[in-house]
């Protein structure tokens, strides 16, 4: 009996997976491109996120863009009249 150890996707592979999914490739084609034996691992990653690529974390942003986001959130909301 073969071992059933799960092989995880690297961050680079996940990025490629989401890019291919966004471009309309099917799960089987993505699995082949990532050299996976079957498509269940690809399907699992997609299903965990509802088929929507997760937002990049604030750690992926530059310090300048994080500061802009903080500045925007610190502004008081305008009252609608």
PDB file of N, CA and C in Angstrom:
ATOM      1  N   UNK A   1       0.839  -1.179   0.000  1.00  0.00           N
ATOM      2  CA  UNK A   1       0.000   0.000   0.000  1.00  0.00           C
ATOM      3  C   UNK A   1       0.886   1.244   0.000  1.00  0.00           C
ATOM      4  N   UNK A   2       0.541   2.185  -0.865  1.00  0.00           N
ATOM      5  CA  UNK A   2       1.301   3.428  -0.947  1.00  0.00           C
ATOM      6  C   UNK A   2       1.038   4.292   0.264  1.00  0.00           C
ATOM      7  N   UNK A   3       2.051   5.044   0.644  1.00  0.00           N
ATOM      8  CA  UNK A   3       1.855   5.998   1.727  1.00  0.00           C
ATOM      9  C   UNK A   3       0.940   7.118   1.252  1.00  0.00           C
ATOM     10  N   UNK A   4       0.154   7.635   2.129  1.00  0.00           N
ATOM     11  CA  UNK A   4      -0.753   8.702   1.731  1.00  0.00           C
ATOM     12  C   UNK A   4      -0.386  10.019   2.416  1.00  0.00           C
ATOM     13  N   UNK A   5       0.899  10.295   2.439  1.00  0.00           N
ATOM     14  CA  UNK A   5       1.361  11.558   3.010  1.00  0.00           C
ATOM     15  C   UNK A   5       0.943  12.693   2.080  1.00  0.00           C
ATOM     16  N   UNK A   6       0.428  13.731   2.667  1.00  0.00           N
ATOM     17  CA  UNK A   6      -0.042  14.863   1.875  1.00  0.00           C
ATOM     18  C   UNK A   6       1.143  15.728   1.479  1.00  0.00           C
ATOM     19  N   UNK A   7       1.200  16.101   0.219  1.00  0.00           N
ATOM     20  CA  UNK A   7       2.244  16.992  -0.270  1.00  0.00           C
ATOM     21  C   UNK A   7       1.626  18.374  -0.400  1.00  0.00           C
ATOM     22  N   UNK A   8       2.171  19.318   0.328  1.00  0.00           N
ATOM     23  CA  UNK A   8       1.606  20.658   0.354  1.00  0.00           C
ATOM     24  C   UNK A   8       2.100  21.484  -0.822  1.00  0.00           C
ATOM     25  N   UNK A   9       1.371  22.518  -1.153  1.00  0.00           N
ATOM     26  CA  UNK A   9       1.759  23.440  -2.207  1.00  0.00           C
ATOM     27  C   UNK A   9       2.679  24.511  -1.630  1.00  0.00           C
ATOM     28  N   UNK A  10       3.700  24.849  -2.376  1.00  0.00           N
ATOM     29  CA  UNK A  10       4.569  25.956  -1.979  1.00  0.00           C
ATOM     30  C   UNK A  10       3.837  27.268  -2.272  1.00  0.00           C
ATOM     31  N   UNK A  11       4.255  28.376  -1.681  1.00  0.00           N
ATOM     32  CA  UNK A  11       3.611  29.660  -1.997  1.00  0.00           C
ATOM     33  C   UNK A  11       3.667  29.990  -3.491  1.00  0.00           C
ATOM     34  N   UNK A  12       4.769  29.621  -4.145  1.00  0.00           N
ATOM     35  CA  UNK A  12       4.895  29.874  -5.581  1.00  0.00           C
ATOM     36  C   UNK A  12       3.870  29.043  -6.368  1.00  0.00           C
ATOM     37  N   UNK A  13       3.690  27.782  -5.960  1.00  0.00           N
ATOM     38  CA  UNK A  13       2.715  26.924  -6.620  1.00  0.00           C
ATOM     39  C   UNK A  13       1.292  27.437  -6.397  1.00  0.00           C
ATOM     40  N   UNK A  14       1.015  27.911  -5.187  1.00  0.00           N
ATOM     41  CA  UNK A  14      -0.317  28.456  -4.917  1.00  0.00           C
ATOM     42  C   UNK A  14      -0.583  29.685  -5.773  1.00  0.00           C
ATOM     43  N   UNK A  15       0.432  30.524  -5.927  1.00  0.00           N
ATOM     44  CA  UNK A  15       0.271  31.717  -6.763  1.00  0.00           C
ATOM     45  C   UNK A  15      -0.027  31.312  -8.204  1.00  0.00           C
ATOM     46  N   UNK A  16       0.696  30.304  -8.694  1.00  0.00           N
ATOM     47  CA  UNK A  16       0.454  29.819 -10.057  1.00  0.00           C
ATOM     48  C   UNK A  16      -0.932  29.199 -10.164  1.00  0.00           C
ATOM     49  N   UNK A  17      -1.338  28.436  -9.143  1.00  0.00           N
ATOM     50  CA  UNK A  17      -2.665  27.822  -9.132  1.00  0.00           C
ATOM     51  C   UNK A  17      -3.749  28.887  -9.257  1.00  0.00           C
ATOM     52  N   UNK A  18      -3.669  29.941  -8.434  1.00  0.00           N
ATOM     53  CA  UNK A  18      -4.696  30.980  -8.471  1.00  0.00           C
ATOM     54  C   UNK A  18      -4.664  31.755  -9.780  1.00  0.00           C
ATOM     55  N   UNK A  19      -3.477  31.975 -10.327  1.00  0.00           N
ATOM     56  CA  UNK A  19      -3.373  32.689 -11.606  1.00  0.00           C
ATOM     57  C   UNK A  19      -4.022  31.874 -12.724  1.00  0.00           C
ATOM     58  N   UNK A  20      -3.745  30.582 -12.757  1.00  0.00           N
ATOM     59  CA  UNK A  20      -4.343  29.714 -13.772  1.00  0.00           C
ATOM     60  C   UNK A  20      -5.862  29.630 -13.597  1.00  0.00           C
ATOM     61  N   UNK A  21      -6.327  29.540 -12.340  1.00  0.00           N
ATOM     62  CA  UNK A  21      -7.769  29.483 -12.058  1.00  0.00           C
ATOM     63  C   UNK A  21      -8.443  30.768 -12.535  1.00  0.00           C
ATOM     64  N   UNK A  22      -7.785  31.909 -12.255  1.00  0.00           N
ATOM     65  CA  UNK A  22      -8.323  33.204 -12.664  1.00  0.00           C
ATOM     66  C   UNK A  22      -8.408  33.304 -14.189  1.00  0.00           C
ATOM     67  N   UNK A  23      -7.468  32.654 -14.875  1.00  0.00           N
ATOM     68  CA  UNK A  23      -7.456  32.680 -16.344  1.00  0.00           C
ATOM     69  C   UNK A  23      -8.401  31.663 -16.968  1.00  0.00           C
ATOM     70  N   UNK A  24      -9.127  30.912 -16.127  1.00  0.00           N
ATOM     71  CA  UNK A  24     -10.166  30.033 -16.646  1.00  0.00           C
ATOM     72  C   UNK A  24      -9.759  28.594 -16.904  1.00  0.00           C
ATOM     73  N   UNK A  25      -8.606  28.174 -16.434  1.00  0.00           N
ATOM     74  CA  UNK A  25      -8.201  26.780 -16.639  1.00  0.00           C
ATOM     75  C   UNK A  25      -8.988  25.875 -15.701  1.00  0.00           C
ATOM     76  N   UNK A  26      -9.241  24.657 -16.144  1.00  0.00           N
ATOM     77  CA  UNK A  26      -9.964  23.706 -15.307  1.00  0.00           C
ATOM     78  C   UNK A  26      -9.005  23.087 -14.288  1.00  0.00           C
ATOM     79  N   UNK A  27      -9.589  22.469 -13.265  1.00  0.00           N
ATOM     80  CA  UNK A  27      -8.819  21.888 -12.168  1.00  0.00           C
ATOM     81  C   UNK A  27      -7.836  20.835 -12.682  1.00  0.00           C
ATOM     82  N   UNK A  28      -8.266  20.003 -13.621  1.00  0.00           N
ATOM     83  CA  UNK A  28      -7.406  18.941 -14.145  1.00  0.00           C
ATOM     84  C   UNK A  28      -6.180  19.527 -14.862  1.00  0.00           C
ATOM     85  N   UNK A  29      -6.384  20.585 -15.642  1.00  0.00           N
ATOM     86  CA  UNK A  29      -5.254  21.218 -16.343  1.00  0.00           C
ATOM     87  C   UNK A  29      -4.281  21.864 -15.358  1.00  0.00           C
ATOM     88  N   UNK A  30      -4.808  22.471 -14.312  1.00  0.00           N
ATOM     89  CA  UNK A  30      -3.953  23.095 -13.300  1.00  0.00           C
ATOM     90  C   UNK A  30      -3.125  22.025 -12.595  1.00  0.00           C
ATOM     91  N   UNK A  31      -3.771  20.908 -12.241  1.00  0.00           N
ATOM     92  CA  UNK A  31      -3.059  19.813 -11.569  1.00  0.00           C
ATOM     93  C   UNK A  31      -1.933  19.283 -12.453  1.00  0.00           C
ATOM     94  N   UNK A  32      -2.208  19.131 -13.748  1.00  0.00           N
ATOM     95  CA  UNK A  32      -1.171  18.662 -14.682  1.00  0.00           C
ATOM     96  C   UNK A  32      -0.012  19.650 -14.753  1.00  0.00           C
ATOM     97  N   UNK A  33      -0.331  20.940 -14.831  1.00  0.00           N
ATOM     98  CA  UNK A  33       0.714  21.972 -14.932  1.00  0.00           C
ATOM     99  C   UNK A  33       1.584  22.003 -13.673  1.00  0.00           C
ATOM    100  N   UNK A  34       0.982  21.689 -12.527  1.00  0.00           N
ATOM    101  CA  UNK A  34       1.728  21.684 -11.267  1.00  0.00           C
ATOM    102  C   UNK A  34       2.338  20.313 -10.976  1.00  0.00           C
ATOM    103  N   UNK A  35       2.246  19.406 -11.957  1.00  0.00           N
ATOM    104  CA  UNK A  35       2.809  18.057 -11.875  1.00  0.00           C
ATOM    105  C   UNK A  35       2.262  17.280 -10.682  1.00  0.00           C
ATOM    106  N   UNK A  36       0.943  17.324 -10.505  1.00  0.00           N
ATOM    107  CA  UNK A  36       0.272  16.563  -9.462  1.00  0.00           C
ATOM    108  C   UNK A  36      -0.321  15.302 -10.071  1.00  0.00           C
ATOM    109  N   UNK A  37      -0.319  14.214  -9.283  1.00  0.00           N
ATOM    110  CA  UNK A  37      -0.864  12.950  -9.781  1.00  0.00           C
ATOM    111  C   UNK A  37      -2.366  13.013  -9.985  1.00  0.00           C
ATOM    112  N   UNK A  38      -3.041  13.730  -9.117  1.00  0.00           N
ATOM    113  CA  UNK A  38      -4.489  13.862  -9.266  1.00  0.00           C
ATOM    114  C   UNK A  38      -4.899  15.288  -8.930  1.00  0.00           C
ATOM    115  N   UNK A  39      -6.147  15.585  -9.180  1.00  0.00           N
ATOM    116  CA  UNK A  39      -6.617  16.958  -9.037  1.00  0.00           C
ATOM    117  C   UNK A  39      -7.199  17.272  -7.665  1.00  0.00           C
ATOM    118  N   UNK A  40      -7.242  16.300  -6.766  1.00  0.00           N
ATOM    119  CA  UNK A  40      -7.902  16.522  -5.479  1.00  0.00           C
ATOM    120  C   UNK A  40      -7.214  17.596  -4.639  1.00  0.00           C
ATOM    121  N   UNK A  41      -5.884  17.675  -4.695  1.00  0.00           N
ATOM    122  CA  UNK A  41      -5.170  18.703  -3.936  1.00  0.00           C
ATOM    123  C   UNK A  41      -5.484  20.095  -4.435  1.00  0.00           C
ATOM    124  N   UNK A  42      -5.566  20.252  -5.761  1.00  0.00           N
ATOM    125  CA  UNK A  42      -5.907  21.540  -6.358  1.00  0.00           C
ATOM    126  C   UNK A  42      -7.337  21.901  -5.972  1.00  0.00           C
ATOM    127  N   UNK A  43      -8.222  20.923  -6.086  1.00  0.00           N
ATOM    128  CA  UNK A  43      -9.624  21.154  -5.742  1.00  0.00           C
ATOM    129  C   UNK A  43      -9.755  21.572  -4.275  1.00  0.00           C
ATOM    130  N   UNK A  44      -8.976  20.942  -3.402  1.00  0.00           N
ATOM    131  CA  UNK A  44      -9.022  21.245  -1.968  1.00  0.00           C
ATOM    132  C   UNK A  44      -8.651  22.703  -1.704  1.00  0.00           C
ATOM    133  N   UNK A  45      -7.587  23.173  -2.345  1.00  0.00           N
ATOM    134  CA  UNK A  45      -7.161  24.567  -2.155  1.00  0.00           C
ATOM    135  C   UNK A  45      -8.247  25.519  -2.648  1.00  0.00           C
ATOM    136  N   UNK A  46      -8.829  25.213  -3.801  1.00  0.00           N
ATOM    137  CA  UNK A  46      -9.878  26.076  -4.341  1.00  0.00           C
ATOM    138  C   UNK A  46     -11.125  26.053  -3.460  1.00  0.00           C
ATOM    139  N   UNK A  47     -11.510  24.865  -2.995  1.00  0.00           N
ATOM    140  CA  UNK A  47     -12.725  24.723  -2.196  1.00  0.00           C
ATOM    141  C   UNK A  47     -12.598  25.411  -0.839  1.00  0.00           C
ATOM    142  N   UNK A  48     -11.418  25.376  -0.241  1.00  0.00           N
ATOM    143  CA  UNK A  48     -11.238  26.016   1.063  1.00  0.00           C
ATOM    144  C   UNK A  48     -11.481  27.518   1.003  1.00  0.00           C
ATOM    145  N   UNK A  49     -11.278  28.097  -0.170  1.00  0.00           N
ATOM    146  CA  UNK A  49     -11.449  29.537  -0.333  1.00  0.00           C
ATOM    147  C   UNK A  49     -12.668  29.882  -1.179  1.00  0.00           C
ATOM    148  N   UNK A  50     -13.511  28.916  -1.438  1.00  0.00           N
ATOM    149  CA  UNK A  50     -14.719  29.176  -2.213  1.00  0.00           C
ATOM    150  C   UNK A  50     -14.445  29.571  -3.652  1.00  0.00           C
ATOM    151  N   UNK A  51     -13.283  29.199  -4.175  1.00  0.00           N
ATOM    152  CA  UNK A  51     -12.940  29.543  -5.548  1.00  0.00           C
ATOM    153  C   UNK A  51     -12.483  30.976  -5.730  1.00  0.00           C
ATOM    154  N   UNK A  52     -12.316  31.687  -4.622  1.00  0.00           N
ATOM    155  CA  UNK A  52     -11.878  33.085  -4.679  1.00  0.00           C
ATOM    156  C   UNK A  52     -10.500  33.175  -4.039  1.00  0.00           C
ATOM    157  N   UNK A  53      -9.561  33.736  -4.785  1.00  0.00           N
ATOM    158  CA  UNK A  53      -8.194  33.849  -4.276  1.00  0.00           C
ATOM    159  C   UNK A  53      -8.184  34.672  -2.997  1.00  0.00           C
ATOM    160  N   UNK A  54      -7.469  34.205  -1.968  1.00  0.00           N
ATOM    161  CA  UNK A  54      -7.412  34.965  -0.723  1.00  0.00           C
ATOM    162  C   UNK A  54      -6.707  36.299  -0.931  1.00  0.00           C
ATOM    163  N   UNK A  55      -7.139  37.293  -0.176  1.00  0.00           N
ATOM    164  CA  UNK A  55      -6.520  38.612  -0.268  1.00  0.00           C
ATOM    165  C   UNK A  55      -5.095  38.519   0.251  1.00  0.00           C
ATOM    166  N   UNK A  56      -4.247  39.326  -0.318  1.00  0.00           N
ATOM    167  CA  UNK A  56      -2.869  39.347   0.157  1.00  0.00           C
ATOM    168  C   UNK A  56      -2.841  39.936   1.548  1.00  0.00           C
ATOM    169  N   UNK A  57      -1.988  39.393   2.379  1.00  0.00           N
ATOM    170  CA  UNK A  57      -1.889  39.902   3.746  1.00  0.00           C
ATOM    171  C   UNK A  57      -1.155  41.228   3.743  1.00  0.00           C
ATOM    172  N   UNK A  58      -1.298  41.978   4.809  1.00  0.00           N
ATOM    173  CA  UNK A  58      -0.639  43.283   4.883  1.00  0.00           C
ATOM    174  C   UNK A  58       0.883  43.137   4.884  1.00  0.00           C
ATOM    175  N   UNK A  59       1.383  41.946   5.201  1.00  0.00           N
ATOM    176  CA  UNK A  59       2.812  41.710   5.161  1.00  0.00           C
ATOM    177  C   UNK A  59       3.361  41.710   3.743  1.00  0.00           C
ATOM    178  N   UNK A  60       2.470  41.508   2.746  1.00  0.00           N
ATOM    179  CA  UNK A  60       2.885  41.499   1.347  1.00  0.00           C
ATOM    180  C   UNK A  60       2.945  42.901   0.761  1.00  0.00           C
ATOM    181  N   UNK A  61       2.440  43.896   1.481  1.00  0.00           N
ATOM    182  CA  UNK A  61       2.392  45.243   0.959  1.00  0.00           C
ATOM    183  C   UNK A  61       3.628  46.021   1.368  1.00  0.00           C
ATOM    184  N   UNK A  62       3.894  47.053   0.602  1.00  0.00           N
ATOM    185  CA  UNK A  62       5.030  47.902   0.937  1.00  0.00           C
ATOM    186  C   UNK A  62       4.675  48.763   2.143  1.00  0.00           C
ATOM    187  N   UNK A  63       5.667  49.237   2.873  1.00  0.00           N
ATOM    188  CA  UNK A  63       5.388  50.100   4.035  1.00  0.00           C
ATOM    189  C   UNK A  63       4.608  51.351   3.643  1.00  0.00           C
ATOM    190  N   UNK A  64       4.859  51.871   2.452  1.00  0.00           N
ATOM    191  CA  UNK A  64       4.170  53.075   1.996  1.00  0.00           C
ATOM    192  C   UNK A  64       2.676  52.810   1.811  1.00  0.00           C
ATOM    193  N   UNK A  65       2.317  51.682   1.201  1.00  0.00           N
ATOM    194  CA  UNK A  65       0.901  51.387   0.977  1.00  0.00           C
ATOM    195  C   UNK A  65       0.190  51.081   2.289  1.00  0.00           C
ATOM    196  N   UNK A  66       0.884  50.463   3.250  1.00  0.00           N
ATOM    197  CA  UNK A  66       0.280  50.223   4.571  1.00  0.00           C
ATOM    198  C   UNK A  66      -0.019  51.547   5.261  1.00  0.00           C
ATOM    199  N   UNK A  67       0.902  52.518   5.134  1.00  0.00           N
ATOM    200  CA  UNK A  67       0.688  53.820   5.752  1.00  0.00           C
ATOM    201  C   UNK A  67      -0.515  54.515   5.129  1.00  0.00           C
ATOM    202  N   UNK A  68      -0.670  54.426   3.814  1.00  0.00           N
ATOM    203  CA  UNK A  68      -1.816  55.036   3.145  1.00  0.00           C
ATOM    204  C   UNK A  68      -3.120  54.420   3.645  1.00  0.00           C
ATOM    205  N   UNK A  69      -3.126  53.098   3.852  1.00  0.00           N
ATOM    206  CA  UNK A  69      -4.331  52.441   4.344  1.00  0.00           C
ATOM    207  C   UNK A  69      -4.652  52.919   5.764  1.00  0.00           C
ATOM    208  N   UNK A  70      -3.639  53.064   6.591  1.00  0.00           N
ATOM    209  CA  UNK A  70      -3.852  53.546   7.958  1.00  0.00           C
ATOM    210  C   UNK A  70      -4.398  54.972   7.940  1.00  0.00           C
ATOM    211  N   UNK A  71      -3.839  55.814   7.050  1.00  0.00           N
ATOM    212  CA  UNK A  71      -4.294  57.197   6.957  1.00  0.00           C
ATOM    213  C   UNK A  71      -5.758  57.259   6.550  1.00  0.00           C
ATOM    214  N   UNK A  72      -6.151  56.418   5.603  1.00  0.00           N
ATOM    215  CA  UNK A  72      -7.539  56.395   5.148  1.00  0.00           C
ATOM    216  C   UNK A  72      -8.484  55.958   6.257  1.00  0.00           C
ATOM    217  N   UNK A  73      -8.075  54.949   7.020  1.00  0.00           N
ATOM    218  CA  UNK A  73      -8.952  54.446   8.072  1.00  0.00           C
ATOM    219  C   UNK A  73      -9.015  55.394   9.259  1.00  0.00           C
ATOM    220  N   UNK A  74      -8.023  56.251   9.415  1.00  0.00           N
ATOM    221  CA  UNK A  74      -8.004  57.182  10.542  1.00  0.00           C
ATOM    222  C   UNK A  74      -8.855  58.415  10.278  1.00  0.00           C
ATOM    223  N   UNK A  75      -9.195  58.684   9.020  1.00  0.00           N
ATOM    224  CA  UNK A  75     -10.001  59.856   8.701  1.00  0.00           C
ATOM    225  C   UNK A  75     -11.414  59.684   9.235  1.00  0.00           C
ATOM    226  N   UNK A  76     -11.980  60.749   9.759  1.00  0.00           N
ATOM    227  CA  UNK A  76     -13.375  60.643  10.197  1.00  0.00           C
ATOM    228  C   UNK A  76     -14.305  60.543   8.979  1.00  0.00           C
ATOM    229  N   UNK A  77     -15.368  59.803   9.144  1.00  0.00           N
ATOM    230  CA  UNK A  77     -16.331  59.642   8.059  1.00  0.00           C
ATOM    231  C   UNK A  77     -17.103  60.944   7.877  1.00  0.00           C
ATOM    232  N   UNK A  78     -17.413  61.264   6.619  1.00  0.00           N
ATOM    233  CA  UNK A  78     -18.200  62.466   6.346  1.00  0.00           C
ATOM    234  C   UNK A  78     -19.665  62.187   6.632  1.00  0.00           C
ATOM    235  N   UNK A  79     -20.323  63.166   7.174  1.00  0.00           N
ATOM    236  CA  UNK A  79     -21.750  63.013   7.439  1.00  0.00           C
ATOM    237  C   UNK A  79     -22.529  63.282   6.156  1.00  0.00           C
ATOM    238  N   UNK A  80     -23.485  62.434   5.871  1.00  0.00           N
ATOM    239  CA  UNK A  80     -24.346  62.659   4.701  1.00  0.00           C
ATOM    240  C   UNK A  80     -25.445  63.624   5.086  1.00  0.00           C
ATOM    241  N   UNK A  81     -25.650  64.621   4.229  1.00  0.00           N
ATOM    242  CA  UNK A  81     -26.709  65.586   4.565  1.00  0.00           C
ATOM    243  C   UNK A  81     -27.896  65.459   3.658  1.00  0.00           C
TER     244      UNK A  81
END
